């Protein structure tokens, strides 16, 4: 559960055969990074994503080939903002009467 509009998702994918990593938020691709040969078998990633109110599905996909991929999904719930407190427009004081 979060109260903010933005969320940072980061992690490390470890795979000797890794091609690339991408992140989906509610089935929309928001991040992509391919592995370079000098990175070895560990690819670190971090991305800031926008969240809608309610449940958001964040899915990390790590691909070894066009036909083989691993997926991990987490649900991040964004709370709605608290209701605004109404204030009197005039500066009048009101007294409580018994």
N, C-alpha and C. Protein backbone atom coordinates (compact mmCIF):
# COMPACT_ATOMS: atom_id res chain seq x y z
N UNK A 1 0.83 -1.18 0.00
CA UNK A 1 0.00 0.00 0.00
C UNK A 1 0.87 1.23 0.00
N UNK A 2 0.54 2.16 -0.87
CA UNK A 2 1.28 3.42 -0.94
C UNK A 2 0.27 4.56 -1.02
N UNK A 3 0.74 5.74 -0.65
CA UNK A 3 -0.10 6.93 -0.72
C UNK A 3 0.32 7.86 -1.85
N UNK A 4 1.37 7.50 -2.58
CA UNK A 4 1.92 8.39 -3.59
C UNK A 4 1.56 7.96 -5.00
N UNK A 5 1.68 8.90 -5.91
CA UNK A 5 1.36 8.67 -7.31
C UNK A 5 2.49 7.92 -8.03
N UNK A 6 3.71 8.05 -7.53
CA UNK A 6 4.89 7.42 -8.14
C UNK A 6 5.43 6.31 -7.23
N UNK A 7 6.03 5.29 -7.86
CA UNK A 7 6.60 4.16 -7.12
C UNK A 7 7.87 3.74 -7.86
N UNK A 8 8.95 3.49 -7.11
CA UNK A 8 10.19 3.05 -7.72
C UNK A 8 10.33 1.55 -7.54
N UNK A 9 10.47 0.86 -8.66
CA UNK A 9 10.66 -0.58 -8.68
C UNK A 9 12.09 -0.85 -9.13
N UNK A 10 12.81 -1.62 -8.34
CA UNK A 10 14.18 -1.96 -8.72
C UNK A 10 14.46 -3.41 -8.35
N UNK A 11 15.47 -3.97 -8.99
CA UNK A 11 15.82 -5.35 -8.72
C UNK A 11 17.05 -5.77 -9.50
N UNK A 12 17.38 -7.04 -9.36
CA UNK A 12 18.51 -7.62 -10.07
C UNK A 12 18.04 -8.94 -10.68
N UNK A 13 18.32 -9.11 -11.95
CA UNK A 13 18.02 -10.37 -12.63
C UNK A 13 19.35 -11.08 -12.85
N UNK A 14 19.41 -12.33 -12.44
CA UNK A 14 20.64 -13.11 -12.59
C UNK A 14 20.37 -14.29 -13.51
N UNK A 15 21.02 -14.26 -14.67
CA UNK A 15 20.86 -15.34 -15.64
C UNK A 15 21.97 -15.22 -16.68
N UNK A 16 22.69 -16.29 -16.89
CA UNK A 16 23.80 -16.28 -17.85
C UNK A 16 23.31 -16.08 -19.28
N UNK A 17 22.08 -16.51 -19.57
CA UNK A 17 21.54 -16.45 -20.93
C UNK A 17 20.60 -15.27 -21.14
N UNK A 18 20.55 -14.32 -20.23
CA UNK A 18 19.58 -13.23 -20.28
C UNK A 18 19.74 -12.37 -21.52
N UNK A 19 18.61 -12.09 -22.19
CA UNK A 19 18.59 -11.16 -23.32
C UNK A 19 18.22 -9.76 -22.87
N UNK A 20 17.08 -9.66 -22.17
CA UNK A 20 16.59 -8.35 -21.76
C UNK A 20 15.60 -8.46 -20.62
N UNK A 21 15.25 -7.30 -20.07
CA UNK A 21 14.28 -7.20 -18.98
C UNK A 21 13.31 -6.09 -19.34
N UNK A 22 12.02 -6.31 -19.09
CA UNK A 22 11.07 -5.21 -19.22
C UNK A 22 10.05 -5.27 -18.10
N UNK A 23 9.43 -4.11 -17.85
CA UNK A 23 8.46 -3.96 -16.76
C UNK A 23 7.14 -3.52 -17.36
N UNK A 24 6.08 -4.18 -16.92
CA UNK A 24 4.71 -3.82 -17.31
C UNK A 24 3.98 -3.31 -16.09
N UNK A 25 3.22 -2.24 -16.27
CA UNK A 25 2.31 -1.75 -15.23
C UNK A 25 0.92 -1.83 -15.81
N UNK A 26 0.10 -2.70 -15.22
CA UNK A 26 -1.26 -2.92 -15.72
C UNK A 26 -1.25 -3.23 -17.21
N UNK A 27 -0.36 -4.13 -17.62
CA UNK A 27 -0.20 -4.61 -19.00
C UNK A 27 0.32 -3.57 -19.98
N UNK A 28 0.87 -2.48 -19.50
CA UNK A 28 1.47 -1.46 -20.37
C UNK A 28 2.98 -1.44 -20.11
N UNK A 29 3.76 -1.61 -21.18
CA UNK A 29 5.22 -1.63 -21.01
C UNK A 29 5.71 -0.22 -20.66
N UNK A 30 6.45 -0.12 -19.55
CA UNK A 30 6.93 1.18 -19.08
C UNK A 30 8.46 1.23 -18.98
N UNK A 31 9.12 0.06 -19.15
CA UNK A 31 10.58 0.03 -19.02
C UNK A 31 11.12 -1.13 -19.84
N UNK A 32 12.27 -0.90 -20.49
CA UNK A 32 12.95 -1.96 -21.23
C UNK A 32 14.45 -1.73 -21.12
N UNK A 33 15.19 -2.84 -20.94
CA UNK A 33 16.65 -2.74 -20.93
C UNK A 33 17.22 -4.06 -21.41
N UNK A 34 18.09 -3.99 -22.40
CA UNK A 34 18.78 -5.16 -22.90
C UNK A 34 20.09 -5.35 -22.15
N UNK A 35 20.53 -6.59 -22.06
CA UNK A 35 21.80 -6.88 -21.39
C UNK A 35 22.94 -6.67 -22.39
N UNK A 36 24.00 -6.01 -21.91
CA UNK A 36 25.19 -5.85 -22.73
C UNK A 36 26.18 -6.95 -22.35
N UNK A 37 27.05 -7.33 -23.26
CA UNK A 37 27.99 -8.44 -22.99
C UNK A 37 28.90 -8.20 -21.78
N UNK A 38 29.24 -6.95 -21.48
CA UNK A 38 30.14 -6.68 -20.36
C UNK A 38 29.46 -6.74 -19.00
N UNK A 39 28.13 -6.92 -18.94
CA UNK A 39 27.42 -6.98 -17.67
C UNK A 39 27.49 -8.35 -16.98
N UNK A 40 27.96 -9.34 -17.67
CA UNK A 40 28.02 -10.67 -17.06
C UNK A 40 26.63 -11.26 -16.91
N UNK A 41 26.41 -11.99 -15.80
CA UNK A 41 25.11 -12.66 -15.64
C UNK A 41 24.19 -11.93 -14.67
N UNK A 42 24.50 -10.68 -14.31
CA UNK A 42 23.64 -9.89 -13.39
C UNK A 42 23.24 -8.58 -14.07
N UNK A 43 21.96 -8.34 -14.16
CA UNK A 43 21.46 -7.10 -14.73
C UNK A 43 20.64 -6.38 -13.67
N UNK A 44 21.11 -5.20 -13.25
CA UNK A 44 20.37 -4.39 -12.29
C UNK A 44 19.44 -3.46 -13.06
N UNK A 45 18.25 -3.23 -12.48
CA UNK A 45 17.32 -2.29 -13.11
C UNK A 45 16.60 -1.49 -12.03
N UNK A 46 16.16 -0.32 -12.43
CA UNK A 46 15.37 0.54 -11.55
C UNK A 46 14.55 1.47 -12.43
N UNK A 47 13.29 1.62 -12.09
CA UNK A 47 12.42 2.51 -12.85
C UNK A 47 11.35 3.09 -11.94
N UNK A 48 10.99 4.33 -12.19
CA UNK A 48 9.90 4.97 -11.46
C UNK A 48 8.65 4.86 -12.31
N UNK A 49 7.57 4.38 -11.72
CA UNK A 49 6.32 4.17 -12.46
C UNK A 49 5.20 4.99 -11.84
N UNK A 50 4.24 5.34 -12.67
CA UNK A 50 3.04 6.05 -12.20
C UNK A 50 1.98 5.02 -11.84
N UNK A 51 1.27 5.28 -10.76
CA UNK A 51 0.24 4.37 -10.28
C UNK A 51 -1.13 5.01 -10.38
N UNK A 52 -2.12 4.21 -10.74
CA UNK A 52 -3.50 4.67 -10.68
C UNK A 52 -4.04 4.37 -9.28
N UNK A 53 -5.13 4.96 -8.90
CA UNK A 53 -5.75 4.63 -7.61
C UNK A 53 -6.25 3.20 -7.66
N UNK A 54 -6.12 2.51 -6.55
CA UNK A 54 -6.54 1.11 -6.48
C UNK A 54 -5.37 0.18 -6.74
N UNK A 55 -5.68 -1.02 -7.23
CA UNK A 55 -4.65 -2.04 -7.45
C UNK A 55 -3.91 -1.81 -8.76
N UNK A 56 -2.58 -1.97 -8.71
CA UNK A 56 -1.71 -1.86 -9.87
C UNK A 56 -0.88 -3.14 -9.95
N UNK A 57 -0.89 -3.80 -11.10
CA UNK A 57 -0.09 -5.00 -11.29
C UNK A 57 1.24 -4.61 -11.93
N UNK A 58 2.34 -4.84 -11.21
CA UNK A 58 3.68 -4.57 -11.71
C UNK A 58 4.32 -5.91 -12.03
N UNK A 59 4.67 -6.11 -13.30
CA UNK A 59 5.23 -7.38 -13.76
C UNK A 59 6.61 -7.15 -14.33
N UNK A 60 7.58 -7.91 -13.84
CA UNK A 60 8.95 -7.89 -14.37
C UNK A 60 9.10 -9.14 -15.23
N UNK A 61 9.52 -8.94 -16.48
CA UNK A 61 9.71 -10.05 -17.41
C UNK A 61 11.18 -10.09 -17.79
N UNK A 62 11.83 -11.23 -17.56
CA UNK A 62 13.22 -11.45 -17.95
C UNK A 62 13.23 -12.51 -19.04
N UNK A 63 13.75 -12.13 -20.23
CA UNK A 63 13.72 -13.06 -21.37
C UNK A 63 15.09 -13.68 -21.62
N UNK A 64 15.08 -15.00 -21.85
CA UNK A 64 16.28 -15.71 -22.27
C UNK A 64 16.32 -15.87 -23.78
N UNK A 65 15.13 -15.94 -24.38
CA UNK A 65 15.01 -16.06 -25.83
C UNK A 65 13.63 -15.55 -26.22
N UNK A 66 13.33 -15.58 -27.50
CA UNK A 66 12.00 -15.14 -27.96
C UNK A 66 10.90 -16.04 -27.40
N UNK A 67 11.26 -17.29 -27.09
CA UNK A 67 10.26 -18.27 -26.65
C UNK A 67 10.25 -18.56 -25.16
N UNK A 68 11.25 -18.07 -24.40
CA UNK A 68 11.34 -18.43 -22.99
C UNK A 68 11.57 -17.18 -22.14
N UNK A 69 10.68 -16.99 -21.16
CA UNK A 69 10.79 -15.82 -20.28
C UNK A 69 10.29 -16.20 -18.89
N UNK A 70 10.79 -15.48 -17.92
CA UNK A 70 10.35 -15.65 -16.54
C UNK A 70 9.63 -14.37 -16.12
N UNK A 71 8.55 -14.51 -15.36
CA UNK A 71 7.76 -13.35 -14.94
C UNK A 71 7.57 -13.37 -13.43
N UNK A 72 7.62 -12.20 -12.84
CA UNK A 72 7.28 -12.01 -11.42
C UNK A 72 6.34 -10.82 -11.36
N UNK A 73 5.22 -10.99 -10.65
CA UNK A 73 4.22 -9.92 -10.55
C UNK A 73 3.98 -9.58 -9.09
N UNK A 74 3.89 -8.30 -8.81
CA UNK A 74 3.50 -7.82 -7.48
C UNK A 74 2.33 -6.86 -7.65
N UNK A 75 1.51 -6.78 -6.62
CA UNK A 75 0.38 -5.86 -6.62
C UNK A 75 0.71 -4.71 -5.68
N UNK A 76 0.62 -3.50 -6.20
CA UNK A 76 0.83 -2.30 -5.38
C UNK A 76 -0.49 -1.55 -5.37
N UNK A 77 -1.02 -1.34 -4.18
CA UNK A 77 -2.31 -0.64 -4.04
C UNK A 77 -2.05 0.81 -3.67
N UNK A 78 -2.57 1.73 -4.49
CA UNK A 78 -2.48 3.16 -4.20
C UNK A 78 -3.78 3.60 -3.55
N UNK A 79 -3.64 4.14 -2.36
CA UNK A 79 -4.82 4.64 -1.64
C UNK A 79 -5.30 5.94 -2.29
N UNK A 80 -6.61 6.18 -2.24
CA UNK A 80 -7.10 7.47 -2.71
C UNK A 80 -6.68 8.56 -1.73
N UNK A 81 -6.53 9.80 -2.22
CA UNK A 81 -6.16 10.88 -1.31
C UNK A 81 -7.26 11.08 -0.26
N UNK A 82 -6.88 11.53 0.93
CA UNK A 82 -7.90 11.76 1.96
C UNK A 82 -8.83 12.89 1.52
N UNK A 83 -10.09 12.83 1.95
CA UNK A 83 -11.03 13.89 1.56
C UNK A 83 -10.58 15.23 2.14
N UNK A 84 -10.79 16.26 1.36
CA UNK A 84 -10.43 17.61 1.82
C UNK A 84 -11.39 18.04 2.91
N UNK A 85 -10.87 18.73 3.90
CA UNK A 85 -11.69 19.24 4.99
C UNK A 85 -12.28 20.57 4.54
N UNK A 86 -13.58 20.67 4.61
CA UNK A 86 -14.26 21.90 4.19
C UNK A 86 -14.00 23.00 5.21
N UNK A 87 -13.68 24.16 4.70
CA UNK A 87 -13.49 25.31 5.58
C UNK A 87 -14.53 26.36 5.21
N UNK A 88 -14.95 27.10 6.24
CA UNK A 88 -15.92 28.16 5.99
C UNK A 88 -15.29 29.25 5.15
N UNK A 89 -16.04 29.74 4.20
CA UNK A 89 -15.53 30.80 3.33
C UNK A 89 -15.39 32.11 4.10
N UNK A 90 -16.29 32.38 5.00
CA UNK A 90 -16.21 33.62 5.77
C UNK A 90 -15.41 33.36 7.03
N UNK A 91 -14.87 34.40 7.60
CA UNK A 91 -14.08 34.26 8.81
C UNK A 91 -14.90 34.31 10.07
N UNK A 92 -16.22 34.11 9.98
CA UNK A 92 -17.09 34.19 11.15
C UNK A 92 -16.81 33.04 12.11
N UNK A 93 -16.90 33.34 13.38
CA UNK A 93 -16.80 32.30 14.39
C UNK A 93 -18.21 31.87 14.75
N UNK A 94 -18.36 30.62 14.94
CA UNK A 94 -19.66 30.11 15.37
C UNK A 94 -19.49 29.58 16.79
N UNK A 95 -20.50 29.86 17.58
CA UNK A 95 -20.46 29.40 18.96
C UNK A 95 -21.38 28.22 19.13
N UNK A 96 -20.93 27.28 19.89
CA UNK A 96 -21.78 26.13 20.19
C UNK A 96 -22.81 26.53 21.21
N UNK A 97 -24.05 26.18 20.96
CA UNK A 97 -25.12 26.51 21.90
C UNK A 97 -25.57 25.24 22.58
N UNK A 98 -25.75 25.33 23.92
CA UNK A 98 -26.18 24.14 24.66
C UNK A 98 -27.59 23.73 24.35
